Amino acid sequence: MKRRLTALLVMLALMASVCGVSALAEEPPKAGETGEAPQVSGESAGAEDAGETENQEDSENPENPEDPENPEEPEPPALAGPDLEESVAIEPDAVGQVSFANMERRMRENNLQILTLEQSVRTLEEIDYEDLYEDLRLQLNQIAKAQWQLVLGSGALKSMEEETGQNLGYSDYEYHSAYDQLDKAYDAVRDTFESIKDGDMQRDNADVIRQLNHLQDQMVVAGEALYVAVAAMETQEAGLARQLEALDRTVTEMELRYTLGQISAMQLSEVRAGRTSLESGLATLRMNIRNYKVQLEMMIGAEQTGEIRLGEVPEVTDAQLEAMELETDLAAAREKSYELYDAGKILEDARDDYKDAGSSYAYDEERYEFRSAKYTWQAAQYTYNNTVQNYELKFRTLYAQVKDYRQIWEAAKVSLACEQESYAAAELKYQQGTISQNALLTAADDLRAQENTVRSAAGDLFSAYNSYCWAVQHGILN
């Protein structure tokens, strides 16, 4: 009998180590019955009726994404703009180059952080809640059976000791310790079992999936913002290089004038010092461009050399700008926003706590516990409303910025047209011999400076418009 009890305790310990959680041993609810279902779609997470069952026909006829007769065509990479047509094809990048159109695709395919998050999403999506529900039900039955066998075995052993008057190794401590261990395992399994039955685990996992997808989108947004920033820095670099060339001509001229005794040594020294300062600033800018390019290469999974070449920043079209509708786009952004979704979940939790406190204390204003829950609930409402207001304010501000950057870009193009006419006049004067070559080169510098101004204004417009599109399409507002 002692060996039998020892073997039983060993078996129970092994069974307790296998079981990780607890619930009652019940049959799983069938699809279509009133109540909760073991599986809930991710889109219904967060709604009050998220625990309702799916349509039975859908569950009996699931779509097979790997059906060879119905292959799925890969979706094209997303470009900025709510009016993007699905038929748009994007050319792959040449070696050592990256275009803005390919930034998102390359990041989602090669960025290690995004790939890690994507695997976490797939892990959660692969959970079969019906199978898990059934496994937990079987575990509960096994634990309950083991507890009953332990009770029978210990009772029989104790009876034999009383009848024979011999010590057969029965120990209340060992019995209670084994039983408590099984009881804890049962409670743990029961909690998970009930969370699946009520749909809580499905909703929680759907929330986690949404958050992980949101993090991936934020990383892509950061990568695209870095791309535009590096392009702007390269425009700035070209401007400084042009200024350095102009200073070189000035230094040459001042050296000649110093030789002729027209200027002092101090004046010549000041011009040389200005060139040195500008050259230093240009070197620092080039160092920063290289560092940021290394970060960009890491984001897209390219070799980290700092030498990658960027394509032109896309130009925003009039059709895209005219398609912007503030109120319609704001409604779409609010629907997609994870920030507002998360704030809504916090508000929902505070409301549930308030209802629980009301049920526990009969909504008695004299009870401190109820008043505390009530004030917390009211504060949560104010916090949520403030979050919504700030979100809408940021969206409206971004909309206004896009419009403002457009008029700045248009004004810059008008100024460019004037500079082109001025340069054409300077060329004519140079050919007539009325101005010097340095004056012509200065006019050319002014023209290139205005071209850079137009390019910079176009980049600012695209950056704002791209941010606007991310807000409309994904709810992301930075």
Protein backbone atom coordinates (compact mmCIF):
# COMPACT_ATOMS: atom_id res chain seq x y z
CA MET A 1 0.00 0.00 0.00
CA LYS A 2 2.86 2.37 0.77
CA ARG A 3 4.34 1.77 -2.68
CA ARG A 4 0.94 2.37 -4.22
CA LEU A 5 0.55 5.71 -2.43
CA THR A 6 4.08 6.76 -3.40
CA ALA A 7 3.43 5.91 -7.04
CA LEU A 8 0.16 7.81 -6.89
CA LEU A 9 1.87 10.90 -5.46
CA VAL A 10 4.55 10.74 -8.16
CA MET A 11 1.89 10.48 -10.85
CA LEU A 12 -0.02 13.38 -9.39
CA ALA A 13 3.12 15.53 -9.20
CA LEU A 14 3.89 14.81 -12.84
CA MET A 15 0.33 15.61 -13.82
CA ALA A 16 0.42 18.86 -11.87
CA SER A 17 3.63 19.89 -13.65
CA VAL A 18 1.99 19.33 -17.03
CA CYS A 19 -1.16 21.30 -16.23
CA GLY A 20 -0.56 25.04 -16.21
CA VAL A 21 -4.06 26.51 -15.61
CA SER A 22 -7.70 25.67 -14.48
CA ALA A 23 -11.47 25.52 -15.09
CA LEU A 24 -14.53 23.25 -14.61
CA ALA A 25 -14.66 20.10 -16.67
CA GLU A 26 -17.41 21.06 -19.09
CA GLU A 27 -18.12 20.31 -22.71
CA PRO A 28 -17.00 23.10 -25.08
CA PRO A 29 -19.84 25.33 -26.26
CA LYS A 30 -20.96 24.63 -29.78
CA ALA A 31 -20.96 27.30 -32.44
CA GLY A 32 -24.37 28.85 -32.79
CA GLU A 33 -25.48 28.34 -29.19
CA THR A 34 -26.46 31.24 -26.99
CA GLY A 35 -23.54 32.46 -24.89
CA GLU A 36 -19.85 32.69 -25.42
CA ALA A 37 -17.73 31.01 -28.04
CA PRO A 38 -14.17 29.80 -27.80
CA GLN A 39 -13.13 31.91 -30.80
CA VAL A 40 -13.67 35.57 -31.60
CA SER A 41 -12.47 37.46 -34.64
CA GLY A 42 -9.92 40.21 -34.13
CA GLU A 43 -12.17 42.89 -35.65
CA SER A 44 -14.75 42.53 -32.90
CA ALA A 45 -12.24 43.00 -30.10
CA GLY A 46 -13.11 45.81 -27.77
CA ALA A 47 -16.84 45.81 -28.53
CA GLU A 48 -19.27 44.90 -25.78
CA ASP A 49 -20.63 41.94 -27.74
CA ALA A 50 -17.20 40.67 -28.75
CA GLY A 51 -17.90 37.29 -27.12
CA GLU A 52 -20.73 36.34 -29.44
CA THR A 53 -20.27 33.35 -31.72
CA GLU A 54 -19.32 33.50 -35.34
CA ASN A 55 -21.72 32.57 -38.14
CA GLN A 56 -21.95 28.79 -38.27
CA GLU A 57 -21.73 28.64 -42.05
CA ASP A 58 -18.48 30.60 -41.95
CA SER A 59 -16.99 28.22 -39.40
CA GLU A 60 -18.04 25.17 -41.42
CA ASN A 61 -16.69 26.57 -44.68
CA PRO A 62 -13.46 28.33 -43.83
CA GLU A 63 -11.55 29.91 -46.67
CA ASN A 64 -8.26 28.23 -47.43
CA PRO A 65 -5.65 30.91 -48.19
CA GLU A 66 -3.34 28.25 -49.60
CA ASP A 67 -5.85 26.78 -52.01
CA PRO A 68 -3.92 26.22 -55.27
CA GLU A 69 -7.11 26.77 -57.26
CA ASN A 70 -7.58 30.24 -55.73
CA PRO A 71 -4.12 31.76 -55.36
CA GLU A 72 -3.98 35.15 -53.70
CA GLU A 73 -2.22 37.90 -55.61
CA PRO A 74 0.25 39.88 -53.52
CA GLU A 75 -0.88 43.39 -52.70
CA PRO A 76 1.23 46.22 -54.16
CA PRO A 77 3.32 48.25 -51.74
CA ALA A 78 1.49 51.26 -50.35
CA LEU A 79 2.40 54.68 -51.63
CA ALA A 80 1.48 57.95 -50.05
CA GLY A 81 -1.96 59.09 -51.06
CA PRO A 82 -5.51 57.94 -50.40
CA ASP A 83 -6.18 57.84 -54.16
CA LEU A 84 -3.52 55.23 -54.96
CA GLU A 85 -4.69 52.74 -57.56
CA GLU A 86 -4.05 49.05 -56.85
CA SER A 87 -2.67 48.60 -60.37
CA VAL A 88 0.37 50.75 -59.64
CA ALA A 89 3.56 48.77 -60.20
CA ILE A 90 6.81 49.69 -58.47
CA GLU A 91 10.17 49.04 -60.07
CA PRO A 92 12.76 47.34 -57.84
CA ASP A 93 15.72 49.41 -56.70
CA ALA A 94 19.13 49.12 -58.30
CA VAL A 95 22.03 47.93 -56.18
CA GLY A 96 23.15 50.62 -53.77
CA GLN A 97 20.00 52.68 -54.27
CA VAL A 98 16.64 53.08 -52.58
CA SER A 99 13.52 54.88 -53.76
CA PHE A 100 10.78 56.22 -51.54
CA ALA A 101 8.25 53.98 -53.28
CA ASN A 102 10.16 50.90 -52.11
CA MET A 103 10.86 52.04 -48.54
CA GLU A 104 7.84 50.40 -46.92
CA ARG A 105 8.19 47.14 -48.83
CA ARG A 106 11.89 46.79 -48.08
CA MET A 107 11.39 47.60 -44.42
CA ARG A 108 8.59 45.06 -43.99
CA GLU A 109 10.66 42.42 -45.76
CA ASN A 110 14.07 43.06 -44.17
CA ASN A 111 13.82 45.13 -40.98
CA LEU A 112 14.64 42.81 -38.09
CA GLN A 113 12.47 44.63 -35.55
CA ILE A 114 9.46 44.56 -37.86
CA LEU A 115 10.06 40.89 -38.66
CA THR A 116 10.20 40.08 -34.95
CA LEU A 117 6.88 41.83 -34.36
CA GLU A 118 5.37 40.11 -37.38
CA GLN A 119 6.33 36.69 -36.04
CA SER A 120 4.68 37.57 -32.74
CA VAL A 121 1.53 38.51 -34.63
CA ARG A 122 1.57 35.22 -36.55
CA THR A 123 2.06 33.26 -33.34
CA LEU A 124 -1.08 34.80 -31.87
CA GLU A 125 -3.03 34.37 -35.09
CA GLU A 126 -2.14 30.68 -35.22
CA ILE A 127 -3.81 29.92 -31.89
CA ASP A 128 -6.72 27.51 -32.39
CA TYR A 129 -8.96 28.44 -29.49
CA GLU A 130 -11.30 25.48 -30.02
CA ASP A 131 -8.44 22.99 -29.78
CA LEU A 132 -6.96 24.82 -26.80
CA TYR A 133 -10.37 24.87 -25.15
CA GLU A 134 -10.74 21.12 -25.58
CA ASP A 135 -7.21 20.45 -24.30
CA LEU A 136 -7.90 22.45 -21.17
CA ARG A 137 -11.18 20.62 -20.61
CA LEU A 138 -9.36 17.29 -20.77
CA GLN A 139 -6.72 18.57 -18.35
CA LEU A 140 -9.38 19.60 -15.89
CA ASN A 141 -10.97 16.18 -16.04
CA GLN A 142 -7.59 14.54 -15.48
CA ILE A 143 -6.82 16.74 -12.48
CA ALA A 144 -10.25 16.09 -10.97
CA LYS A 145 -9.80 12.36 -11.49
CA ALA A 146 -6.35 12.46 -9.91
CA GLN A 147 -7.73 14.33 -6.89
CA TRP A 148 -10.43 11.72 -6.44
CA GLN A 149 -7.92 8.87 -6.68
CA LEU A 150 -5.77 10.63 -4.11
CA VAL A 151 -8.72 10.91 -1.74
CA LEU A 152 -9.62 7.23 -2.19
CA GLY A 153 -6.02 6.07 -1.80
CA SER A 154 -5.34 8.08 1.33
CA GLY A 155 -8.66 6.99 2.88
CA ALA A 156 -7.96 3.35 2.23
CA LEU A 157 -4.45 3.61 3.62
CA LYS A 158 -5.65 5.35 6.76
CA SER A 159 -8.35 2.70 7.33
CA MET A 160 -5.79 -0.09 7.05
CA GLU A 161 -3.55 1.62 9.61
CA GLU A 162 -6.47 1.88 12.01
CA GLU A 163 -7.48 -1.77 11.51
CA THR A 164 -4.00 -3.29 11.79
CA GLY A 165 -2.49 -0.80 14.22
CA GLN A 166 0.61 -0.67 12.04
CA ASN A 167 2.28 2.39 10.57
CA LEU A 168 1.98 1.97 6.78
CA GLY A 169 3.63 5.31 5.96
CA TYR A 170 0.47 7.42 5.83
CA SER A 171 1.21 11.11 6.26
CA ASP A 172 -1.42 13.84 6.46
CA TYR A 173 1.23 16.35 5.42
CA GLU A 174 2.11 14.49 2.21
CA TYR A 175 -1.53 14.01 1.37
CA HIS A 176 -2.51 17.61 1.91
CA SER A 177 0.58 18.89 0.07
CA ALA A 178 -0.20 16.77 -3.00
CA TYR A 179 -3.88 17.71 -2.90
CA ASP A 180 -3.08 21.44 -2.58
CA GLN A 181 -0.69 21.22 -5.50
CA LEU A 182 -3.40 19.68 -7.63
CA ASP A 183 -5.92 22.25 -6.44
CA LYS A 184 -3.66 25.13 -7.49
CA ALA A 185 -3.09 23.53 -10.89
CA TYR A 186 -6.85 23.11 -11.28
CA ASP A 187 -7.50 26.76 -10.44
CA ALA A 188 -4.87 27.89 -12.93
CA VAL A 189 -6.29 25.76 -15.75
CA ARG A 190 -9.78 26.86 -14.79
CA ASP A 191 -8.89 30.56 -15.22
CA THR A 192 -7.60 30.04 -18.75
CA PHE A 193 -10.52 27.76 -19.57
CA GLU A 194 -13.02 30.40 -18.50
CA SER A 195 -11.16 33.18 -20.31
CA ILE A 196 -11.49 31.24 -23.58
CA LYS A 197 -15.10 30.36 -22.87
CA ASP A 198 -15.99 34.00 -22.21
CA GLY A 199 -13.93 35.27 -25.16
CA ASP A 200 -11.58 37.27 -22.93
CA MET A 201 -8.41 35.62 -24.24
CA GLN A 202 -9.51 36.12 -27.83
CA ARG A 203 -10.21 39.80 -27.25
CA ASP A 204 -6.96 40.33 -25.35
CA ASN A 205 -4.94 38.66 -28.10
CA ALA A 206 -6.77 40.68 -30.76
CA ASP A 207 -5.78 43.84 -28.85
CA VAL A 208 -2.17 42.68 -28.72
CA ILE A 209 -2.20 41.96 -32.47
CA ARG A 210 -3.55 45.42 -33.17
CA GLN A 211 -0.88 46.98 -30.98
CA LEU A 212 1.91 44.99 -32.67
CA ASN A 213 0.67 45.99 -36.13
CA HIS A 214 0.55 49.59 -34.94
CA LEU A 215 4.18 49.37 -33.82
CA GLN A 216 5.18 48.03 -37.24
CA ASP A 217 3.41 50.91 -38.95
CA GLN A 218 5.15 53.41 -36.67
CA MET A 219 8.53 51.97 -37.64
CA VAL A 220 7.69 52.34 -41.33
CA VAL A 221 6.59 55.93 -40.71
CA ALA A 222 9.91 56.60 -38.95
CA GLY A 223 11.82 55.09 -41.89
CA GLU A 224 9.99 57.20 -44.44
CA ALA A 225 10.49 60.32 -42.32
CA LEU A 226 14.21 59.56 -42.15
CA TYR A 227 14.30 59.15 -45.94
CA VAL A 228 12.73 62.58 -46.48
CA ALA A 229 15.03 64.13 -43.86
CA VAL A 230 18.15 62.73 -45.53
CA ALA A 231 16.93 63.98 -48.92
CA ALA A 232 16.46 67.45 -47.40
CA MET A 233 19.96 67.31 -45.90
CA GLU A 234 21.40 66.44 -49.31
CA THR A 235 19.63 69.50 -50.74
CA GLN A 236 21.18 71.55 -47.96
CA GLU A 237 24.57 70.01 -48.72
CA ALA A 238 24.29 71.08 -52.36
CA GLY A 239 23.48 74.61 -51.24
CA LEU A 240 26.48 74.78 -48.91
CA ALA A 241 28.75 73.35 -51.59
CA ARG A 242 27.55 76.07 -53.95
CA GLN A 243 28.23 78.72 -51.31
CA LEU A 244 31.71 77.28 -50.81
CA GLU A 245 32.42 77.59 -54.54
CA ALA A 246 31.26 81.22 -54.44
CA LEU A 247 33.52 81.88 -51.45
CA ASP A 248 36.46 80.34 -53.30
CA ARG A 249 35.93 82.88 -56.07
CA THR A 250 35.64 85.63 -53.49
CA VAL A 251 38.86 84.56 -51.77
CA THR A 252 40.68 84.52 -55.10
CA GLU A 253 39.39 88.00 -55.88
CA MET A 254 40.30 89.32 -52.41
CA GLU A 255 43.80 87.87 -52.65
CA LEU A 256 44.30 89.73 -55.92
CA ARG A 257 42.96 92.96 -54.44
CA TYR A 258 45.24 92.50 -51.41
CA THR A 259 48.19 92.10 -53.77
CA LEU A 260 47.18 95.32 -55.47
CA GLY A 261 46.93 97.02 -52.11
CA GLN A 262 43.18 97.65 -52.33
CA ILE A 263 42.28 95.81 -49.09
CA SER A 264 43.99 95.17 -45.79
CA ALA A 265 45.35 91.90 -44.47
CA MET A 266 42.55 91.90 -41.87
CA GLN A 267 39.87 91.97 -44.56
CA LEU A 268 41.53 89.10 -46.40
CA SER A 269 41.83 87.14 -43.16
CA GLU A 270 38.13 87.60 -42.40
CA VAL A 271 37.13 86.25 -45.81
CA ARG A 272 39.40 83.21 -45.38
CA ALA A 273 37.99 82.59 -41.87
CA GLY A 274 34.46 82.66 -43.29
CA ARG A 275 35.43 80.06 -45.86
CA THR A 276 37.00 77.85 -43.21
CA SER A 277 33.86 78.07 -41.06
CA LEU A 278 31.63 77.19 -43.99
CA GLU A 279 33.88 74.29 -44.96
CA SER A 280 33.71 72.98 -41.39
CA GLY A 281 29.92 73.19 -41.36
CA LEU A 282 29.76 71.35 -44.67
CA ALA A 283 32.00 68.57 -43.34
CA THR A 284 29.76 68.16 -40.27
CA LEU A 285 26.66 68.01 -42.46
CA ARG A 286 28.23 65.35 -44.66
CA MET A 287 29.14 63.32 -41.57
CA ASN A 288 25.53 63.50 -40.36
CA ILE A 289 24.22 62.51 -43.78
CA ARG A 290 26.49 59.47 -43.75
CA ASN A 291 25.37 58.47 -40.25
CA TYR A 292 21.71 58.82 -41.14
CA LYS A 293 22.23 56.82 -44.30
CA VAL A 294 23.71 54.02 -42.21
CA GLN A 295 20.53 54.07 -40.10
CA LEU A 296 18.45 54.02 -43.27
CA GLU A 297 20.43 51.08 -44.62
CA MET A 298 19.88 49.21 -41.37
CA MET A 299 16.14 49.90 -41.54
CA ILE A 300 15.82 48.37 -45.01
CA GLY A 301 18.23 45.53 -44.39
CA ALA A 302 20.92 46.78 -46.78
CA GLU A 303 24.67 46.65 -46.27
CA GLN A 304 25.65 49.42 -43.85
CA THR A 305 28.13 51.52 -45.81
CA GLY A 306 26.61 55.00 -45.52
CA GLU A 307 26.88 55.32 -49.30
CA ILE A 308 23.34 54.42 -50.37
CA ARG A 309 21.86 56.71 -53.01
CA LEU A 310 18.36 58.10 -52.55
CA GLY A 311 15.89 58.65 -55.33
CA GLU A 312 13.95 61.86 -55.81
CA VAL A 313 11.24 62.57 -53.26
CA PRO A 314 7.88 62.08 -55.04
CA GLU A 315 5.97 65.18 -56.03
CA VAL A 316 2.47 65.69 -54.69
CA THR A 317 -0.04 66.12 -57.49
CA ASP A 318 -2.91 68.58 -57.66
CA ALA A 319 -5.35 65.65 -57.84
CA GLN A 320 -4.04 64.25 -54.56
CA LEU A 321 -4.33 67.59 -52.82
CA GLU A 322 -7.82 68.20 -54.16
CA ALA A 323 -8.92 64.77 -52.90
CA MET A 324 -8.30 65.86 -49.31
CA GLU A 325 -11.55 66.41 -47.39
CA LEU A 326 -11.06 67.43 -43.79
CA GLU A 327 -14.13 66.01 -42.07
CA THR A 328 -14.29 62.80 -44.11
CA ASP A 329 -10.58 62.14 -43.65
CA LEU A 330 -10.78 62.95 -39.95
CA ALA A 331 -13.53 60.38 -39.48
CA ALA A 332 -11.41 57.78 -41.27
CA ALA A 333 -8.38 58.62 -39.14
CA ARG A 334 -10.34 58.33 -35.90
CA GLU A 335 -11.64 54.93 -36.99
CA LYS A 336 -8.11 53.66 -37.65
CA SER A 337 -6.32 55.33 -34.72
CA TYR A 338 -4.79 52.94 -32.21
CA GLU A 339 -4.25 55.89 -29.86
CA LEU A 340 -7.99 56.51 -29.65
CA TYR A 341 -8.72 52.78 -29.54
CA ASP A 342 -6.40 52.33 -26.56
CA ALA A 343 -7.92 55.36 -24.84
CA GLY A 344 -11.35 53.80 -25.40
CA LYS A 345 -10.21 50.55 -23.78
CA ILE A 346 -8.97 52.45 -20.72
CA LEU A 347 -12.30 54.26 -20.56
CA GLU A 348 -14.16 50.97 -20.83
CA ASP A 349 -12.14 49.46 -17.97
CA ALA A 350 -12.88 52.49 -15.77
CA ARG A 351 -16.58 52.18 -16.58
CA ASP A 352 -16.56 48.49 -15.64
CA ASP A 353 -14.83 49.30 -12.34
CA TYR A 354 -17.49 51.93 -11.65
CA LYS A 355 -20.28 49.44 -12.36
CA ASP A 356 -18.64 46.82 -10.14
CA ALA A 357 -18.35 49.34 -7.32
CA GLY A 358 -22.00 50.32 -7.82
CA SER A 359 -23.08 46.70 -7.61
CA SER A 360 -20.95 46.07 -4.52
CA TYR A 361 -22.03 49.19 -2.62
CA ALA A 362 -25.54 49.70 -4.04
CA TYR A 363 -24.50 53.07 -5.53
CA ASP A 364 -24.41 54.44 -2.01
CA GLU A 365 -22.88 57.94 -2.10
CA GLU A 366 -22.13 57.60 1.61
CA ARG A 367 -19.59 54.87 0.91
CA TYR A 368 -16.07 56.12 0.27
CA GLU A 369 -15.29 53.19 -2.00
CA PHE A 370 -18.16 54.00 -4.34
CA ARG A 371 -17.39 57.71 -4.42
CA SER A 372 -13.74 56.96 -5.27
CA ALA A 373 -14.78 54.69 -8.16
CA LYS A 374 -17.24 57.34 -9.37
CA TYR A 375 -14.60 60.09 -9.39
CA THR A 376 -12.15 57.79 -11.16
CA TRP A 377 -14.77 57.06 -13.81
CA GLN A 378 -15.48 60.76 -14.31
CA ALA A 379 -11.75 61.52 -14.58
CA ALA A 380 -11.42 58.74 -17.18
CA GLN A 381 -14.17 60.37 -19.26
CA TYR A 382 -12.41 63.73 -19.15
CA THR A 383 -9.12 62.07 -20.09
CA TYR A 384 -10.70 60.28 -23.03
CA ASN A 385 -12.42 63.42 -24.29
CA ASN A 386 -9.14 65.33 -23.97
CA THR A 387 -7.36 62.62 -25.97
CA VAL A 388 -9.96 62.87 -28.72
CA GLN A 389 -9.75 66.66 -28.79
CA ASN A 390 -5.95 66.63 -28.99
CA TYR A 391 -6.06 64.04 -31.76
CA GLU A 392 -8.52 66.07 -33.77
CA LEU A 393 -6.50 69.23 -33.18
CA LYS A 394 -3.31 67.58 -34.44
CA PHE A 395 -5.14 66.26 -37.49
CA ARG A 396 -6.65 69.64 -38.34
CA THR A 397 -3.24 71.26 -37.83
CA LEU A 398 -1.65 68.75 -40.19
CA TYR A 399 -4.36 69.41 -42.78
CA ALA A 400 -3.66 73.15 -42.55
CA GLN A 401 0.09 72.53 -42.83
CA VAL A 402 -0.36 70.60 -46.07
CA LYS A 403 -2.32 73.50 -47.53
CA ASP A 404 0.25 76.02 -46.30
CA TYR A 405 3.19 74.04 -47.70
CA ARG A 406 1.37 73.95 -51.02
CA GLN A 407 1.14 77.74 -51.21
CA ILE A 408 4.80 78.03 -50.14
CA TRP A 409 5.75 75.64 -52.94
CA GLU A 410 3.68 77.58 -55.46
CA ALA A 411 5.28 80.87 -54.36
CA ALA A 412 8.74 79.32 -54.65
CA LYS A 413 8.01 78.24 -58.21
CA VAL A 414 6.98 81.81 -59.08
CA SER A 415 10.25 83.09 -57.64
CA LEU A 416 12.13 80.46 -59.62
CA ALA A 417 10.54 81.69 -62.84
CA CYS A 418 11.76 85.21 -62.01
CA GLU A 419 15.28 83.94 -61.28
CA GLN A 420 15.33 82.08 -64.59
CA GLU A 421 14.48 85.30 -66.39
CA SER A 422 17.14 87.17 -64.40
CA TYR A 423 19.77 84.59 -65.30
CA ALA A 424 18.80 84.74 -68.96
CA ALA A 425 19.24 88.53 -68.82
CA ALA A 426 22.62 88.10 -67.11
CA GLU A 427 23.77 85.74 -69.83
CA LEU A 428 22.82 88.27 -72.46
CA LYS A 429 24.68 91.05 -70.63
CA TYR A 430 27.76 88.83 -70.27
CA GLN A 431 27.72 88.08 -73.99
CA GLN A 432 27.49 91.83 -74.64
CA GLY A 433 30.42 92.41 -72.33
CA THR A 434 28.55 94.62 -69.85
CA ILE A 435 29.06 92.35 -66.81
CA SER A 436 31.96 90.21 -65.60
CA GLN A 437 32.18 86.44 -65.47
CA ASN A 438 31.95 86.56 -61.66
CA ALA A 439 28.66 88.45 -61.96
CA LEU A 440 27.34 85.78 -64.31
CA LEU A 441 28.44 83.02 -61.92
CA THR A 442 26.73 84.86 -59.07
CA ALA A 443 23.51 84.95 -61.10
CA ALA A 444 23.89 81.21 -61.75
CA ASP A 445 24.34 80.66 -57.99
CA ASP A 446 21.15 82.62 -57.30
CA LEU A 447 19.29 80.50 -59.83
CA ARG A 448 20.51 77.23 -58.31
CA ALA A 449 19.70 78.52 -54.84
CA GLN A 450 16.12 79.19 -55.90
CA GLU A 451 15.94 75.74 -57.50
CA ASN A 452 16.97 74.26 -54.16
CA THR A 453 14.33 76.39 -52.47
CA VAL A 454 11.67 74.93 -54.75
CA ARG A 455 13.03 71.42 -54.15
CA SER A 456 13.02 71.99 -50.41
CA ALA A 457 9.46 73.35 -50.48
CA ALA A 458 8.34 70.34 -52.51
CA GLY A 459 9.98 68.03 -49.96
CA ASP A 460 8.23 69.79 -47.08
CA LEU A 461 4.91 69.48 -48.88
CA PHE A 462 5.42 65.79 -49.56
CA SER A 463 6.51 65.11 -45.98
CA ALA A 464 3.38 66.77 -44.59
CA TYR A 465 1.14 65.09 -47.17
CA ASN A 466 2.67 61.68 -46.49
CA SER A 467 2.05 62.16 -42.76
CA TYR A 468 -1.52 63.15 -43.57
CA CYS A 469 -2.01 59.98 -45.60
CA TRP A 470 -0.65 57.81 -42.79
CA ALA A 471 -3.15 59.47 -40.47
CA VAL A 472 -6.07 58.86 -42.84
CA GLN A 473 -5.10 55.30 -43.79
CA HIS A 474 -3.68 54.05 -40.47
CA GLY A 475 -4.65 56.59 -37.85
CA ILE A 476 -1.04 57.43 -37.03
CA LEU A 477 -0.39 61.02 -36.00
CA ASN A 478 3.13 61.88 -34.86
